Amino acid sequence: MNELAELLRVAERAAVIAGDVIMPLYESALTVELKADRTPVTIADRVAEEAIRAFLERECPAHGILGEEFPEKAGDGRHRWILDPIDGTKSFIHHVPLFGTLVALEVDTVPVVGVIACHAVGETVSAAKGLGTRLNGMPVRVSTTTSLAGATISTTSYSRFRIDHPAGFERLVATGAMLRTWGDCYGYLLVAAGRIDGMLDPEMNLWDAAALYPVLTEAGGRMTTWTGEDRVGGSVVASNGVLHDALLAAVNA
């Protein structure tokens, strides 16, 4: 079997393990803490990441691991797993099912495997470089929408978008695009599956973004930073590709 195909299977199994830990806690009463950056965290975030790490250390002992909740584990210098056990913790603690687990693998600093597992809605989208993107095992592609005037664009937080990029927000509204807040990783699943046309986040961490890159690009889409760099960075503009330049022009008004 192709090495990347096997590593994709490992990533998918890691996401399943996370879901097995997370979902029994989803309906339970959880204590919510605030981290130093004022973002919320629960015991579910921590035990899920511990479970994924333990699995990856058995399956790929030479690989490095970077996760949101625990210190980085050094590896062979080429392979690094990047984990977000619960992307969308605010959704999780409010019992909104649009959270998910993100598992990515970098090879020589480029994300080549990605999984977005939205456990509560029963949908997992996954990809590896050169192997396409699949949703629950079935191939998917981005939309074919050609105009922002007929597009559906989502963002995790209207308030963050408006505060950080007020002119860009107003320009995007003026295009006639339908704006929604199907946020966090679920919004990117929707783009990859062709259900919406773009997704925007002006501020991202590496563990928020790494898994998205192979999923979107292998589905035929494009993902850049807010300023248009074709890489994983501290912000994300994702689209079906056709709309990307117009979307960048709007948000950078």
Protein backbone atom coordinates (compact mmCIF):
# COMPACT_ATOMS: atom_id res chain seq x y z
CA MET A 1 0.00 0.00 0.00
CA ASN A 2 1.10 3.55 -0.73
CA GLU A 3 2.85 5.00 2.34
CA LEU A 4 0.60 8.07 2.45
CA ALA A 5 -2.48 5.89 2.12
CA GLU A 6 -1.36 3.91 5.15
CA LEU A 7 -0.61 7.06 7.12
CA LEU A 8 -4.06 8.37 6.19
CA ARG A 9 -5.56 5.21 7.67
CA VAL A 10 -3.57 5.88 10.84
CA ALA A 11 -4.92 9.44 10.97
CA GLU A 12 -8.49 8.25 10.47
CA ARG A 13 -8.13 5.67 13.23
CA ALA A 14 -6.71 8.34 15.54
CA ALA A 15 -9.78 10.50 14.92
CA VAL A 16 -12.08 7.56 15.71
CA ILE A 17 -10.23 6.99 18.98
CA ALA A 18 -10.74 10.66 19.86
CA GLY A 19 -14.44 10.39 19.11
CA ASP A 20 -14.77 7.35 21.35
CA VAL A 21 -13.40 9.45 24.20
CA ILE A 22 -15.23 12.68 23.42
CA MET A 23 -18.78 11.60 22.67
CA PRO A 24 -19.58 10.01 26.07
CA LEU A 25 -18.59 13.36 27.60
CA TYR A 26 -20.57 15.48 25.14
CA GLU A 27 -23.86 15.28 27.03
CA SER A 28 -22.28 15.27 30.48
CA ALA A 29 -21.78 18.24 32.78
CA LEU A 30 -18.18 19.35 32.28
CA THR A 31 -16.14 21.89 34.16
CA VAL A 32 -14.82 24.55 31.81
CA GLU A 33 -11.47 26.20 32.49
CA LEU A 34 -9.82 29.15 30.79
CA LYS A 35 -6.28 28.79 29.49
CA ALA A 36 -3.72 31.59 29.57
CA ASP A 37 -4.97 32.89 26.21
CA ARG A 38 -8.53 33.04 27.61
CA THR A 39 -9.78 30.21 25.40
CA PRO A 40 -11.84 27.44 27.05
CA VAL A 41 -10.67 23.90 27.72
CA THR A 42 -12.33 20.84 29.26
CA ILE A 43 -11.25 17.42 30.44
CA ALA A 44 -12.54 16.09 27.11
CA ASP A 45 -9.92 18.11 25.20
CA ARG A 46 -7.15 16.72 27.35
CA VAL A 47 -8.12 13.05 27.54
CA ALA A 48 -8.85 12.97 23.80
CA GLU A 49 -5.41 14.35 22.98
CA GLU A 50 -3.80 11.89 25.40
CA ALA A 51 -5.59 9.01 23.66
CA ILE A 52 -4.50 10.15 20.20
CA ARG A 53 -0.92 10.66 21.33
CA ALA A 54 -0.72 7.21 22.90
CA PHE A 55 -2.03 5.65 19.69
CA LEU A 56 0.36 7.57 17.43
CA GLU A 57 3.33 6.81 19.65
CA ARG A 58 2.59 3.10 19.20
CA GLU A 59 1.91 3.29 15.46
CA CYS A 60 4.58 5.84 14.45
CA PRO A 61 7.13 5.98 17.27
CA ALA A 62 9.69 7.95 15.24
CA HIS A 63 7.31 10.77 14.41
CA GLY A 64 7.00 14.07 16.24
CA ILE A 65 3.70 15.22 17.74
CA LEU A 66 2.41 18.76 18.23
CA GLY A 67 -0.96 19.18 19.93
CA GLU A 68 -2.95 22.03 21.39
CA GLU A 69 -3.05 20.79 24.97
CA PHE A 70 0.38 19.28 25.73
CA PRO A 71 4.06 20.00 25.00
CA GLU A 72 5.52 19.00 21.66
CA LYS A 73 7.22 15.62 21.32
CA ALA A 74 10.32 15.69 19.12
CA GLY A 75 10.60 13.20 16.27
CA ASP A 76 12.73 12.32 13.27
CA GLY A 77 12.72 15.90 11.98
CA ARG A 78 10.66 15.05 8.87
CA HIS A 79 7.33 13.69 10.13
CA ARG A 80 5.16 15.57 12.61
CA TRP A 81 1.57 14.91 13.63
CA ILE A 82 -0.46 18.03 14.44
CA LEU A 83 -3.52 17.57 16.64
CA ASP A 84 -6.53 19.54 17.79
CA PRO A 85 -8.60 17.10 19.86
CA ILE A 86 -11.66 19.38 19.93
CA ASP A 87 -11.71 22.17 17.37
CA GLY A 88 -14.66 24.28 18.41
CA THR A 89 -14.56 23.81 22.18
CA LYS A 90 -17.09 26.64 22.58
CA SER A 91 -19.53 24.71 20.40
CA PHE A 92 -18.79 21.56 22.38
CA ILE A 93 -19.50 23.12 25.76
CA HIS A 94 -22.74 24.67 24.46
CA HIS A 95 -23.86 21.29 23.01
CA VAL A 96 -23.75 22.62 19.45
CA PRO A 97 -22.63 19.71 17.23
CA LEU A 98 -20.32 21.68 14.91
CA PHE A 99 -17.08 20.76 16.71
CA GLY A 100 -14.60 18.15 15.55
CA THR A 101 -11.23 16.49 15.87
CA LEU A 102 -8.40 17.58 13.58
CA VAL A 103 -5.51 15.25 12.76
CA ALA A 104 -2.79 16.26 10.33
CA LEU A 105 0.59 14.90 9.30
CA GLU A 106 3.37 17.15 8.07
CA VAL A 107 6.22 15.78 6.00
CA ASP A 108 9.11 18.25 5.69
CA THR A 109 6.85 21.01 7.13
CA VAL A 110 4.07 20.53 4.52
CA PRO A 111 0.72 19.04 5.62
CA VAL A 112 0.12 15.99 3.41
CA VAL A 113 -2.53 14.12 5.42
CA GLY A 114 -5.60 15.65 7.01
CA VAL A 115 -8.73 14.47 8.81
CA ILE A 116 -11.70 16.55 9.99
CA ALA A 117 -13.91 14.31 12.12
CA CYS A 118 -17.18 15.95 13.18
CA HIS A 119 -18.30 13.26 15.59
CA ALA A 120 -21.65 14.70 16.68
CA VAL A 121 -22.93 15.07 13.10
CA GLY A 122 -21.48 11.72 12.01
CA GLU A 123 -19.31 13.09 9.22
CA THR A 124 -15.59 12.69 8.63
CA VAL A 125 -13.73 14.17 5.69
CA SER A 126 -10.17 13.03 5.04
CA ALA A 127 -7.44 13.37 2.44
CA ALA A 128 -3.83 12.63 1.60
CA LYS A 129 -1.70 14.27 -1.07
CA GLY A 130 -2.45 12.76 -4.47
CA LEU A 131 -5.28 10.57 -3.15
CA GLY A 132 -8.26 12.92 -3.26
CA THR A 133 -10.73 13.82 -0.52
CA ARG A 134 -13.41 11.54 0.86
CA LEU A 135 -16.44 12.20 3.05
CA ASN A 136 -17.43 9.09 5.01
CA GLY A 137 -15.52 7.10 2.41
CA MET A 138 -17.08 8.67 -0.69
CA PRO A 139 -15.16 11.04 -3.01
CA VAL A 140 -16.13 14.71 -2.78
CA ARG A 141 -15.27 17.87 -4.67
CA VAL A 142 -15.66 21.58 -4.05
CA SER A 143 -18.50 23.58 -5.60
CA THR A 144 -18.51 25.12 -9.07
CA THR A 145 -19.96 28.50 -8.05
CA THR A 146 -18.35 31.23 -10.14
CA SER A 147 -19.59 34.49 -8.58
CA LEU A 148 -19.52 35.85 -5.05
CA ALA A 149 -22.99 37.23 -5.74
CA GLY A 150 -24.31 33.68 -5.76
CA ALA A 151 -21.94 32.22 -3.19
CA THR A 152 -22.38 31.05 0.39
CA ILE A 153 -19.45 32.07 2.59
CA SER A 154 -19.05 31.14 6.25
CA THR A 155 -16.85 32.36 9.07
CA THR A 156 -16.39 31.20 12.64
CA SER A 157 -16.99 34.62 14.19
CA TYR A 158 -18.71 37.62 12.60
CA SER A 159 -17.48 39.82 15.46
CA ARG A 160 -13.82 38.87 14.97
CA PHE A 161 -14.11 39.43 11.22
CA ARG A 162 -15.79 42.83 11.62
CA ILE A 163 -13.38 44.04 14.32
CA ASP A 164 -10.17 42.88 12.61
CA HIS A 165 -11.16 43.63 8.99
CA PRO A 166 -14.06 46.12 8.99
CA ALA A 167 -13.57 47.32 5.41
CA GLY A 168 -13.20 43.75 4.14
CA PHE A 169 -16.34 42.71 5.99
CA GLU A 170 -18.39 45.50 4.47
CA ARG A 171 -17.01 44.83 0.98
CA LEU A 172 -17.87 41.12 1.23
CA VAL A 173 -21.40 41.98 2.37
CA ALA A 174 -21.71 44.33 -0.60
CA THR A 175 -20.90 41.54 -3.09
CA GLY A 176 -24.26 39.93 -2.35
CA ALA A 177 -22.73 36.72 -0.99
CA MET A 178 -24.80 34.88 1.59
CA LEU A 179 -22.85 35.00 4.88
CA ARG A 180 -23.23 32.32 7.52
CA THR A 181 -21.43 31.20 10.71
CA TRP A 182 -21.19 27.44 10.31
CA GLY A 183 -17.94 27.75 12.14
CA ASP A 184 -14.75 26.04 13.18
CA CYS A 185 -13.73 22.88 11.34
CA TYR A 186 -17.28 22.07 10.21
CA GLY A 187 -17.25 25.07 7.88
CA TYR A 188 -14.18 23.68 6.11
CA LEU A 189 -15.83 20.27 5.79
CA LEU A 190 -18.72 22.06 4.06
CA VAL A 191 -16.35 23.74 1.59
CA ALA A 192 -14.56 20.48 0.77
CA ALA A 193 -17.88 18.71 0.23
CA GLY A 194 -19.14 21.42 -2.12
CA ARG A 195 -22.01 22.46 0.16
CA ILE A 196 -20.75 26.03 0.60
CA ASP A 197 -18.26 28.01 -1.40
CA GLY A 198 -15.83 29.58 1.06
CA MET A 199 -14.74 29.80 4.67
CA LEU A 200 -12.84 32.59 6.44
CA ASP A 201 -10.93 32.85 9.72
CA PRO A 202 -8.72 35.88 10.36
CA GLU A 203 -6.83 34.20 13.22
CA MET A 204 -5.74 30.55 13.37
CA ASN A 205 -3.21 28.40 15.21
CA LEU A 206 -1.23 25.70 13.42
CA TRP A 207 -3.30 22.93 15.03
CA ASP A 208 -6.48 24.67 13.81
CA ALA A 209 -5.32 24.87 10.21
CA ALA A 210 -2.90 22.07 9.29
CA ALA A 211 -5.51 19.34 8.71
CA LEU A 212 -7.61 21.66 6.56
CA TYR A 213 -4.97 22.14 3.87
CA PRO A 214 -4.85 18.64 2.35
CA VAL A 215 -8.61 18.19 2.74
CA LEU A 216 -9.40 21.36 0.79
CA THR A 217 -6.70 21.17 -1.85
CA GLU A 218 -7.31 17.50 -2.63
CA ALA A 219 -11.01 18.33 -3.08
CA GLY A 220 -10.05 20.83 -5.77
CA GLY A 221 -10.22 23.91 -3.58
CA ARG A 222 -7.67 26.47 -2.52
CA MET A 223 -6.50 27.54 0.92
CA THR A 224 -4.26 30.50 1.63
CA THR A 225 -3.48 32.94 4.36
CA TRP A 226 -5.61 36.09 4.51
CA THR A 227 -3.00 37.87 2.38
CA GLY A 228 -2.98 35.16 -0.29
CA GLU A 229 0.08 33.05 0.56
CA ASP A 230 -0.39 29.42 -0.49
CA ARG A 231 0.60 27.93 2.83
CA VAL A 232 -0.70 27.17 6.30
CA GLY A 233 -0.36 30.34 8.36
CA GLY A 234 -1.98 32.37 11.10
CA SER A 235 -5.15 33.06 9.12
CA VAL A 236 -7.20 31.15 6.55
CA VAL A 237 -9.16 31.94 3.43
CA ALA A 238 -10.55 28.76 1.87
CA SER A 239 -12.66 28.48 -1.26
CA ASN A 240 -13.63 26.36 -4.22
CA GLY A 241 -10.66 27.90 -6.03
CA VAL A 242 -12.70 29.65 -8.71
CA LEU A 243 -13.79 32.32 -6.24
CA HIS A 244 -10.51 32.64 -4.41
CA ASP A 245 -9.06 35.76 -5.98
CA ALA A 246 -12.38 37.58 -5.69
CA LEU A 247 -12.71 36.51 -2.07
CA LEU A 248 -9.18 37.70 -1.26
CA ALA A 249 -9.86 41.02 -2.98
CA ALA A 250 -13.03 41.48 -0.93
CA VAL A 251 -11.64 40.68 2.49
CA ASN A 252 -8.50 42.73 1.95
CA ALA A 253 -10.42 45.86 1.02
